[in-house]
Amino acid sequence: DLGADMTALVKDPDGIIHQIRADNYLGQNYGRVTAIFEDRIDLVELIPNGVGGWNEKPASIALADQ
């Protein structure tokens, strides 16, 4: 699985650094990390559908070159 074995270091708003892997959760919408690449983290977020349920929405977080 391409991107499934990668890890990333992510700094949270409090300045704490976390090591992130696939299947970890990230972000405000219960985002589950699906893959990590050199330039982005792919995840699936749960978004309320307005009628008491949830929809899955794919999303990506671009990673800055450091």
PDB file of N, CA and C in Angstrom:
ATOM      1  N   ASP A   1       0.845  -1.184   0.000  1.00  0.00           N
ATOM      2  CA  ASP A   1       0.000   0.000   0.000  1.00  0.00           C
ATOM      3  C   ASP A   1       0.882   1.236   0.000  1.00  0.00           C
ATOM      4  N   LEU A   2       0.959   1.921  -1.120  1.00  0.00           N
ATOM      5  CA  LEU A   2       1.805   3.105  -1.236  1.00  0.00           C
ATOM      6  C   LEU A   2       1.352   4.176  -0.255  1.00  0.00           C
ATOM      7  N   GLY A   3       2.256   4.676   0.553  1.00  0.00           N
ATOM      8  CA  GLY A   3       1.938   5.723   1.512  1.00  0.00           C
ATOM      9  C   GLY A   3       1.421   5.222   2.841  1.00  0.00           C
ATOM     10  N   ALA A   4       1.163   3.921   2.959  1.00  0.00           N
ATOM     11  CA  ALA A   4       0.586   3.398   4.194  1.00  0.00           C
ATOM     12  C   ALA A   4       1.633   3.178   5.282  1.00  0.00           C
ATOM     13  N   ASP A   5       2.907   3.013   4.918  1.00  0.00           N
ATOM     14  CA  ASP A   5       3.953   2.736   5.904  1.00  0.00           C
ATOM     15  C   ASP A   5       4.761   3.967   6.292  1.00  0.00           C
ATOM     16  N   MET A   6       4.473   5.104   5.704  1.00  0.00           N
ATOM     17  CA  MET A   6       5.203   6.337   6.003  1.00  0.00           C
ATOM     18  C   MET A   6       4.732   6.917   7.339  1.00  0.00           C
ATOM     19  N   THR A   7       5.567   7.735   7.947  1.00  0.00           N
ATOM     20  CA  THR A   7       5.188   8.500   9.132  1.00  0.00           C
ATOM     21  C   THR A   7       5.459   9.965   8.864  1.00  0.00           C
ATOM     22  N   ALA A   8       4.806  10.825   9.621  1.00  0.00           N
ATOM     23  CA  ALA A   8       5.015  12.263   9.507  1.00  0.00           C
ATOM     24  C   ALA A   8       5.078  12.849  10.908  1.00  0.00           C
ATOM     25  N   LEU A   9       5.803  13.945  11.052  1.00  0.00           N
ATOM     26  CA  LEU A   9       5.830  14.697  12.298  1.00  0.00           C
ATOM     27  C   LEU A   9       4.960  15.928  12.099  1.00  0.00           C
ATOM     28  N   VAL A  10       3.989  16.110  12.989  1.00  0.00           N
ATOM     29  CA  VAL A  10       3.030  17.211  12.877  1.00  0.00           C
ATOM     30  C   VAL A  10       3.042  17.988  14.184  1.00  0.00           C
ATOM     31  N   LYS A  11       3.144  19.322  14.083  1.00  0.00           N
ATOM     32  CA  LYS A  11       3.115  20.170  15.267  1.00  0.00           C
ATOM     33  C   LYS A  11       1.693  20.670  15.489  1.00  0.00           C
ATOM     34  N   ASP A  12       1.141  20.450  16.683  1.00  0.00           N
ATOM     35  CA  ASP A  12      -0.214  20.900  16.982  1.00  0.00           C
ATOM     36  C   ASP A  12      -0.203  22.374  17.386  1.00  0.00           C
ATOM     37  N   PRO A  13      -1.380  23.000  17.549  1.00  0.00           N
ATOM     38  CA  PRO A  13      -1.444  24.429  17.888  1.00  0.00           C
ATOM     39  C   PRO A  13      -0.730  24.792  19.193  1.00  0.00           C
ATOM     40  N   ASP A  14      -0.540  23.821  20.086  1.00  0.00           N
ATOM     41  CA  ASP A  14       0.174  24.086  21.339  1.00  0.00           C
ATOM     42  C   ASP A  14       1.680  23.924  21.192  1.00  0.00           C
ATOM     43  N   GLY A  15       2.147  23.604  19.985  1.00  0.00           N
ATOM     44  CA  GLY A  15       3.571  23.453  19.737  1.00  0.00           C
ATOM     45  C   GLY A  15       4.103  22.062  20.037  1.00  0.00           C
ATOM     46  N   ILE A  16       3.227  21.122  20.353  1.00  0.00           N
ATOM     47  CA  ILE A  16       3.651  19.747  20.644  1.00  0.00           C
ATOM     48  C   ILE A  16       3.748  18.979  19.329  1.00  0.00           C
ATOM     49  N   ILE A  17       4.843  18.226  19.162  1.00  0.00           N
ATOM     50  CA  ILE A  17       5.066  17.459  17.943  1.00  0.00           C
ATOM     51  C   ILE A  17       4.575  16.024  18.146  1.00  0.00           C
ATOM     52  N   HIS A  18       3.800  15.549  17.163  1.00  0.00           N
ATOM     53  CA  HIS A  18       3.238  14.201  17.204  1.00  0.00           C
ATOM     54  C   HIS A  18       3.728  13.419  15.992  1.00  0.00           C
ATOM     55  N   GLN A  19       4.024  12.132  16.182  1.00  0.00           N
ATOM     56  CA  GLN A  19       4.347  11.261  15.069  1.00  0.00           C
ATOM     57  C   GLN A  19       3.036  10.649  14.583  1.00  0.00           C
ATOM     58  N   ILE A  20       2.732  10.814  13.295  1.00  0.00           N
ATOM     59  CA  ILE A  20       1.469  10.391  12.707  1.00  0.00           C
ATOM     60  C   ILE A  20       1.720   9.230  11.747  1.00  0.00           C
ATOM     61  N   ARG A  21       0.848   8.240  11.811  1.00  0.00           N
ATOM     62  CA  ARG A  21       0.885   7.089  10.897  1.00  0.00           C
ATOM     63  C   ARG A  21      -0.519   6.889  10.323  1.00  0.00           C
ATOM     64  N   ALA A  22      -0.610   6.043   9.301  1.00  0.00           N
ATOM     65  CA  ALA A  22      -1.918   5.682   8.749  1.00  0.00           C
ATOM     66  C   ALA A  22      -2.783   5.096   9.862  1.00  0.00           C
ATOM     67  N   ASP A  23      -4.054   5.409   9.840  1.00  0.00           N
ATOM     68  CA  ASP A  23      -5.081   5.005  10.812  1.00  0.00           C
ATOM     69  C   ASP A  23      -5.070   5.840  12.087  1.00  0.00           C
ATOM     70  N   ASN A  24      -4.141   6.815  12.225  1.00  0.00           N
ATOM     71  CA  ASN A  24      -4.232   7.765  13.329  1.00  0.00           C
ATOM     72  C   ASN A  24      -5.314   8.794  12.981  1.00  0.00           C
ATOM     73  N   TYR A  25      -5.779   9.511  13.992  1.00  0.00           N
ATOM     74  CA  TYR A  25      -6.785  10.547  13.783  1.00  0.00           C
ATOM     75  C   TYR A  25      -6.133  11.914  13.865  1.00  0.00           C
ATOM     76  N   LEU A  26      -6.620  12.845  13.026  1.00  0.00           N
ATOM     77  CA  LEU A  26      -5.999  14.152  12.883  1.00  0.00           C
ATOM     78  C   LEU A  26      -7.056  15.168  12.483  1.00  0.00           C
ATOM     79  N   GLY A  27      -7.048  16.327  13.102  1.00  0.00           N
ATOM     80  CA  GLY A  27      -7.923  17.409  12.684  1.00  0.00           C
ATOM     81  C   GLY A  27      -9.204  17.508  13.482  1.00  0.00           C
ATOM     82  N   GLN A  28     -10.055  18.437  13.055  1.00  0.00           N
ATOM     83  CA  GLN A  28     -11.264  18.774  13.789  1.00  0.00           C
ATOM     84  C   GLN A  28     -12.469  17.912  13.417  1.00  0.00           C
ATOM     85  N   ASN A  29     -12.434  17.249  12.268  1.00  0.00           N
ATOM     86  CA  ASN A  29     -13.597  16.492  11.789  1.00  0.00           C
ATOM     87  C   ASN A  29     -13.346  14.987  11.822  1.00  0.00           C
ATOM     88  N   TYR A  30     -12.740  14.516  12.912  1.00  0.00           N
ATOM     89  CA  TYR A  30     -12.505  13.075  13.082  1.00  0.00           C
ATOM     90  C   TYR A  30     -11.781  12.484  11.874  1.00  0.00           C
ATOM     91  N   GLY A  31     -10.803  13.216  11.355  1.00  0.00           N
ATOM     92  CA  GLY A  31     -10.065  12.773  10.175  1.00  0.00           C
ATOM     93  C   GLY A  31      -9.188  11.573  10.477  1.00  0.00           C
ATOM     94  N   ARG A  32      -9.393  10.493   9.726  1.00  0.00           N
ATOM     95  CA  ARG A  32      -8.560   9.294   9.869  1.00  0.00           C
ATOM     96  C   ARG A  32      -7.539   9.297   8.740  1.00  0.00           C
ATOM     97  N   VAL A  33      -6.252   9.234   9.102  1.00  0.00           N
ATOM     98  CA  VAL A  33      -5.177   9.262   8.121  1.00  0.00           C
ATOM     99  C   VAL A  33      -5.218   7.967   7.307  1.00  0.00           C
ATOM    100  N   THR A  34      -5.255   8.111   5.981  1.00  0.00           N
ATOM    101  CA  THR A  34      -5.270   6.944   5.101  1.00  0.00           C
ATOM    102  C   THR A  34      -3.910   6.685   4.471  1.00  0.00           C
ATOM    103  N   ALA A  35      -3.102   7.734   4.262  1.00  0.00           N
ATOM    104  CA  ALA A  35      -1.778   7.572   3.665  1.00  0.00           C
ATOM    105  C   ALA A  35      -0.955   8.830   3.905  1.00  0.00           C
ATOM    106  N   ILE A  36       0.360   8.651   3.945  1.00  0.00           N
ATOM    107  CA  ILE A  36       1.287   9.764   4.112  1.00  0.00           C
ATOM    108  C   ILE A  36       2.292   9.705   2.965  1.00  0.00           C
ATOM    109  N   PHE A  37       2.458  10.836   2.299  1.00  0.00           N
ATOM    110  CA  PHE A  37       3.416  10.965   1.202  1.00  0.00           C
ATOM    111  C   PHE A  37       4.387  12.091   1.548  1.00  0.00           C
ATOM    112  N   GLU A  38       5.419  12.272   0.745  1.00  0.00           N
ATOM    113  CA  GLU A  38       6.407  13.313   1.021  1.00  0.00           C
ATOM    114  C   GLU A  38       5.795  14.706   0.972  1.00  0.00           C
ATOM    115  N   ASP A  39       4.726  14.890   0.172  1.00  0.00           N
ATOM    116  CA  ASP A  39       4.165  16.224  -0.016  1.00  0.00           C
ATOM    117  C   ASP A  39       2.785  16.433   0.611  1.00  0.00           C
ATOM    118  N   ARG A  40       2.181  15.352   1.179  1.00  0.00           N
ATOM    119  CA  ARG A  40       0.829  15.511   1.725  1.00  0.00           C
ATOM    120  C   ARG A  40       0.467  14.361   2.656  1.00  0.00           C
ATOM    121  N   ILE A  41      -0.554  14.603   3.473  1.00  0.00           N
ATOM    122  CA  ILE A  41      -1.186  13.574   4.282  1.00  0.00           C
ATOM    123  C   ILE A  41      -2.612  13.436   3.758  1.00  0.00           C
ATOM    124  N   ASP A  42      -2.997  12.237   3.348  1.00  0.00           N
ATOM    125  CA  ASP A  42      -4.365  11.976   2.896  1.00  0.00           C
ATOM    126  C   ASP A  42      -5.177  11.460   4.073  1.00  0.00           C
ATOM    127  N   LEU A  43      -6.418  11.922   4.175  1.00  0.00           N
ATOM    128  CA  LEU A  43      -7.292  11.455   5.246  1.00  0.00           C
ATOM    129  C   LEU A  43      -8.730  11.454   4.795  1.00  0.00           C
ATOM    130  N   VAL A  44      -9.575  10.814   5.592  1.00  0.00           N
ATOM    131  CA  VAL A  44     -11.023  10.799   5.367  1.00  0.00           C
ATOM    132  C   VAL A  44     -11.656  11.433   6.591  1.00  0.00           C
ATOM    133  N   GLU A  45     -12.430  12.512   6.376  1.00  0.00           N
ATOM    134  CA  GLU A  45     -13.103  13.208   7.470  1.00  0.00           C
ATOM    135  C   GLU A  45     -14.566  12.780   7.549  1.00  0.00           C
ATOM    136  N   LEU A  46     -15.131  12.844   8.748  1.00  0.00           N
ATOM    137  CA  LEU A  46     -16.563  12.610   8.941  1.00  0.00           C
ATOM    138  C   LEU A  46     -17.257  13.958   9.063  1.00  0.00           C
ATOM    139  N   ILE A  47     -18.175  14.212   8.162  1.00  0.00           N
ATOM    140  CA  ILE A  47     -18.883  15.489   8.099  1.00  0.00           C
ATOM    141  C   ILE A  47     -20.363  15.227   8.378  1.00  0.00           C
ATOM    142  N   PRO A  48     -20.987  15.979   9.314  1.00  0.00           N
ATOM    143  CA  PRO A  48     -22.426  15.784   9.562  1.00  0.00           C
ATOM    144  C   PRO A  48     -23.227  16.046   8.284  1.00  0.00           C
ATOM    145  N   ASN A  49     -24.222  15.194   8.025  1.00  0.00           N
ATOM    146  CA  ASN A  49     -25.017  15.354   6.799  1.00  0.00           C
ATOM    147  C   ASN A  49     -26.275  16.194   7.014  1.00  0.00           C
ATOM    148  N   GLY A  50     -26.491  16.687   8.236  1.00  0.00           N
ATOM    149  CA  GLY A  50     -27.625  17.554   8.495  1.00  0.00           C
ATOM    150  C   GLY A  50     -28.904  16.842   8.882  1.00  0.00           C
ATOM    151  N   VAL A  51     -28.933  15.519   8.784  1.00  0.00           N
ATOM    152  CA  VAL A  51     -30.127  14.762   9.155  1.00  0.00           C
ATOM    153  C   VAL A  51     -29.786  13.676  10.185  1.00  0.00           C
ATOM    154  N   GLY A  52     -28.772  13.942  10.985  1.00  0.00           N
ATOM    155  CA  GLY A  52     -28.412  13.023  12.055  1.00  0.00           C
ATOM    156  C   GLY A  52     -27.395  11.965  11.698  1.00  0.00           C
ATOM    157  N   GLY A  53     -26.889  11.983  10.487  1.00  0.00           N
ATOM    158  CA  GLY A  53     -25.892  10.996  10.065  1.00  0.00           C
ATOM    159  C   GLY A  53     -24.581  11.668   9.698  1.00  0.00           C
ATOM    160  N   TRP A  54     -23.708  10.881   9.114  1.00  0.00           N
ATOM    161  CA  TRP A  54     -22.374  11.364   8.759  1.00  0.00           C
ATOM    162  C   TRP A  54     -22.040  10.947   7.339  1.00  0.00           C
ATOM    163  N   ASN A  55     -21.280  11.782   6.638  1.00  0.00           N
ATOM    164  CA  ASN A  55     -20.727  11.453   5.327  1.00  0.00           C
ATOM    165  C   ASN A  55     -19.215  11.457   5.431  1.00  0.00           C
ATOM    166  N   GLU A  56     -18.569  10.527   4.725  1.00  0.00           N
ATOM    167  CA  GLU A  56     -17.112  10.532   4.650  1.00  0.00           C
ATOM    168  C   GLU A  56     -16.680  11.439   3.512  1.00  0.00           C
ATOM    169  N   LYS A  57     -15.667  12.260   3.781  1.00  0.00           N
ATOM    170  CA  LYS A  57     -15.165  13.191   2.780  1.00  0.00           C
ATOM    171  C   LYS A  57     -13.647  13.059   2.710  1.00  0.00           C
ATOM    172  N   PRO A  58     -13.102  12.679   1.535  1.00  0.00           N
ATOM    173  CA  PRO A  58     -11.649  12.627   1.401  1.00  0.00           C
ATOM    174  C   PRO A  58     -11.054  14.031   1.491  1.00  0.00           C
ATOM    175  N   ALA A  59      -9.879  14.137   2.093  1.00  0.00           N
ATOM    176  CA  ALA A  59      -9.196  15.421   2.209  1.00  0.00           C
ATOM    177  C   ALA A  59      -7.692  15.169   2.208  1.00  0.00           C
ATOM    178  N   SER A  60      -6.925  16.226   1.954  1.00  0.00           N
ATOM    179  CA  SER A  60      -5.463  16.150   2.000  1.00  0.00           C
ATOM    180  C   SER A  60      -4.936  17.377   2.716  1.00  0.00           C
ATOM    181  N   ILE A  61      -3.816  17.191   3.401  1.00  0.00           N
ATOM    182  CA  ILE A  61      -3.110  18.294   4.040  1.00  0.00           C
ATOM    183  C   ILE A  61      -1.753  18.391   3.357  1.00  0.00           C
ATOM    184  N   ALA A  62      -1.490  19.534   2.733  1.00  0.00           N
ATOM    185  CA  ALA A  62      -0.207  19.729   2.066  1.00  0.00           C
ATOM    186  C   ALA A  62       0.883  19.908   3.119  1.00  0.00           C
ATOM    187  N   LEU A  63       2.047  19.311   2.860  1.00  0.00           N
ATOM    188  CA  LEU A  63       3.170  19.426   3.777  1.00  0.00           C
ATOM    189  C   LEU A  63       4.185  20.412   3.200  1.00  0.00           C
ATOM    190  N   ALA A  64       4.657  21.303   4.044  1.00  0.00           N
ATOM    191  CA  ALA A  64       5.641  22.294   3.626  1.00  0.00           C
ATOM    192  C   ALA A  64       7.022  21.669   3.624  1.00  0.00           C
ATOM    193  N   ASP A  65       7.875  22.107   2.720  1.00  0.00           N
ATOM    194  CA  ASP A  65       9.271  21.665   2.722  1.00  0.00           C
ATOM    195  C   ASP A  65       9.992  22.373   3.856  1.00  0.00           C
ATOM    196  N   GLN A  66      10.666  21.603   4.686  1.00  0.00           N
ATOM    197  CA  GLN A  66      11.401  22.185   5.825  1.00  0.00           C
ATOM    198  C   GLN A  66      12.851  21.773   5.733  1.00  0.00           C
TER     199      GLN A  66
END
